[in-house]
């Protein structure tokens, strides 16, 4: 999942996090949210995600205004993550900063909801 090549950009992003990312990280770090381990600015499947909980299969993205210009890129990236078994939550910076409790409630809801079973692959359905 993680590649050596993706580590350097991820390290740079961790040191240049936005105020919203820093705010959310204060609530996610050190297993503070139901004991789940989150990683930040983590390289996965060729992308660096803002936050990920591998064990829960949850990716959290905190988006600023620049994402309005990257709709297609974000859509494709989300598709790749979903195809690999992850659920993706997206929040706007201002929501994280101004409605932190609502954002955390939504994250908790996803952590407490068991994942739905994965459909059988077409090959297994035929066989």
Protein backbone atom coordinates (compact mmCIF):
# COMPACT_ATOMS: atom_id res chain seq x y z
CA UNK A 1 0.00 0.00 0.00
CA UNK A 2 2.61 2.54 1.07
CA UNK A 3 5.62 3.05 -1.11
CA UNK A 4 9.00 4.50 -0.28
CA UNK A 5 8.53 6.88 -3.16
CA UNK A 6 5.36 8.34 -1.58
CA UNK A 7 6.94 8.93 1.82
CA UNK A 8 8.89 12.13 1.07
CA UNK A 9 5.94 14.17 -0.27
CA UNK A 10 3.82 12.88 2.63
CA UNK A 11 6.44 14.08 5.13
CA UNK A 12 6.43 17.54 3.54
CA UNK A 13 2.62 17.67 3.68
CA UNK A 14 2.62 16.70 7.37
CA UNK A 15 4.80 19.69 8.20
CA UNK A 16 2.65 22.07 6.11
CA UNK A 17 -0.81 21.04 7.27
CA UNK A 18 -3.70 23.48 7.12
CA UNK A 19 -5.38 24.83 10.26
CA UNK A 20 -8.33 22.52 9.60
CA UNK A 21 -6.09 19.46 9.23
CA UNK A 22 -4.24 20.38 12.43
CA UNK A 23 -7.55 20.80 14.26
CA UNK A 24 -8.88 17.43 13.12
CA UNK A 25 -5.57 15.71 13.85
CA UNK A 26 -5.81 16.82 17.50
CA UNK A 27 -8.96 14.67 17.74
CA UNK A 28 -7.73 11.69 15.71
CA UNK A 29 -4.16 11.22 16.93
CA UNK A 30 -3.03 8.81 19.64
CA UNK A 31 -6.13 6.62 19.22
CA UNK A 32 -8.33 9.30 20.82
CA UNK A 33 -11.37 8.38 18.70
CA UNK A 34 -12.72 5.03 19.97
CA UNK A 35 -9.19 3.66 20.05
CA UNK A 36 -8.80 3.67 16.25
CA UNK A 37 -5.35 4.38 14.85
CA UNK A 38 -5.30 7.14 12.25
CA UNK A 39 -2.38 8.16 10.10
CA UNK A 40 -2.08 11.56 8.47
CA UNK A 41 -0.77 12.49 5.05
CA UNK A 42 -0.36 8.81 4.30
CA UNK A 43 0.63 7.47 0.87
CA UNK A 44 -1.82 4.81 -0.33
CA UNK A 45 -2.49 3.41 -3.82
CA UNK A 46 -0.41 6.16 -5.44
CA UNK A 47 -2.15 9.02 -3.62
CA UNK A 48 -1.46 10.83 -0.36
CA UNK A 49 -4.62 10.98 1.74
CA UNK A 50 -5.15 13.49 4.55
CA UNK A 51 -6.12 10.86 7.14
CA UNK A 52 -6.64 7.12 7.02
CA UNK A 53 -7.67 4.44 9.47
CA UNK A 54 -6.51 1.22 7.85
CA UNK A 55 -8.33 -1.09 10.27
CA UNK A 56 -11.69 0.64 9.67
CA UNK A 57 -11.08 1.16 5.95
CA UNK A 58 -11.80 4.87 6.31
CA UNK A 59 -10.15 7.76 4.47
CA UNK A 60 -10.87 11.33 5.56
CA UNK A 61 -10.15 14.23 3.24
CA UNK A 62 -10.21 17.86 4.39
CA UNK A 63 -10.73 20.08 1.36
CA UNK A 64 -10.16 23.76 0.79
CA UNK A 65 -11.25 25.96 -2.07
CA UNK A 66 -8.60 24.53 -4.42
CA UNK A 67 -10.62 21.32 -4.69
CA UNK A 68 -13.32 23.14 -6.67
CA UNK A 69 -10.86 23.06 -9.57
CA UNK A 70 -9.95 19.40 -9.04
CA UNK A 71 -13.37 17.73 -9.13
CA UNK A 72 -12.45 15.13 -11.75
CA UNK A 73 -9.13 14.30 -10.07
CA UNK A 74 -10.84 13.90 -6.67
CA UNK A 75 -13.62 11.77 -8.21
CA UNK A 76 -11.09 9.40 -9.82
CA UNK A 77 -9.02 9.22 -6.65
CA UNK A 78 -12.13 8.39 -4.60
CA UNK A 79 -13.07 5.65 -7.09
CA UNK A 80 -9.63 4.04 -6.71
CA UNK A 81 -9.87 4.12 -2.92
CA UNK A 82 -13.38 2.64 -2.96
CA UNK A 83 -12.34 -0.11 -5.36
CA UNK A 84 -9.64 -1.01 -2.86
CA UNK A 85 -12.11 -1.32 0.01
CA UNK A 86 -12.00 2.14 1.60
CA UNK A 87 -14.84 4.49 2.42
CA UNK A 88 -14.02 8.15 1.79
CA UNK A 89 -15.40 11.04 3.85
CA UNK A 90 -14.83 14.59 2.62
CA UNK A 91 -15.18 17.71 4.73
CA UNK A 92 -14.61 21.36 3.87
CA UNK A 93 -11.99 23.24 5.88
CA UNK A 94 -14.58 25.66 7.28
CA UNK A 95 -16.76 22.76 8.51
CA UNK A 96 -13.82 21.23 10.38
CA UNK A 97 -12.98 24.57 11.94
CA UNK A 98 -16.50 25.81 12.71
CA UNK A 99 -18.50 22.60 13.13
CA UNK A 100 -15.89 20.28 14.61
CA UNK A 101 -18.40 18.33 16.74
CA UNK A 102 -20.58 17.61 13.67
CA UNK A 103 -17.55 16.42 11.71
CA UNK A 104 -16.45 14.15 14.57
CA UNK A 105 -20.00 12.80 14.91
CA UNK A 106 -19.99 11.86 11.23
CA UNK A 107 -16.61 10.15 11.54
CA UNK A 108 -17.80 8.26 14.64
CA UNK A 109 -20.91 7.14 12.78
CA UNK A 110 -18.75 5.55 10.10
CA UNK A 111 -16.42 3.94 12.62
CA UNK A 112 -19.35 2.40 14.49
CA UNK A 113 -21.15 1.16 11.36
CA UNK A 114 -19.92 -2.27 10.37
CA UNK A 115 -18.74 -2.44 6.76
CA UNK A 116 -21.16 -3.99 4.31
CA UNK A 117 -20.06 -7.33 2.87
CA UNK A 118 -18.05 -7.11 -0.31
CA UNK A 119 -19.79 -8.54 -3.38
CA UNK A 120 -18.36 -11.68 -4.86
CA UNK A 121 -16.16 -11.09 -7.86
CA UNK A 122 -17.67 -11.97 -11.22
CA UNK A 123 -15.23 -14.87 -11.54
CA UNK A 124 -16.39 -16.39 -8.24
CA UNK A 125 -20.06 -15.83 -9.13
CA UNK A 126 -19.63 -17.90 -12.29
CA UNK A 127 -17.48 -20.59 -10.71
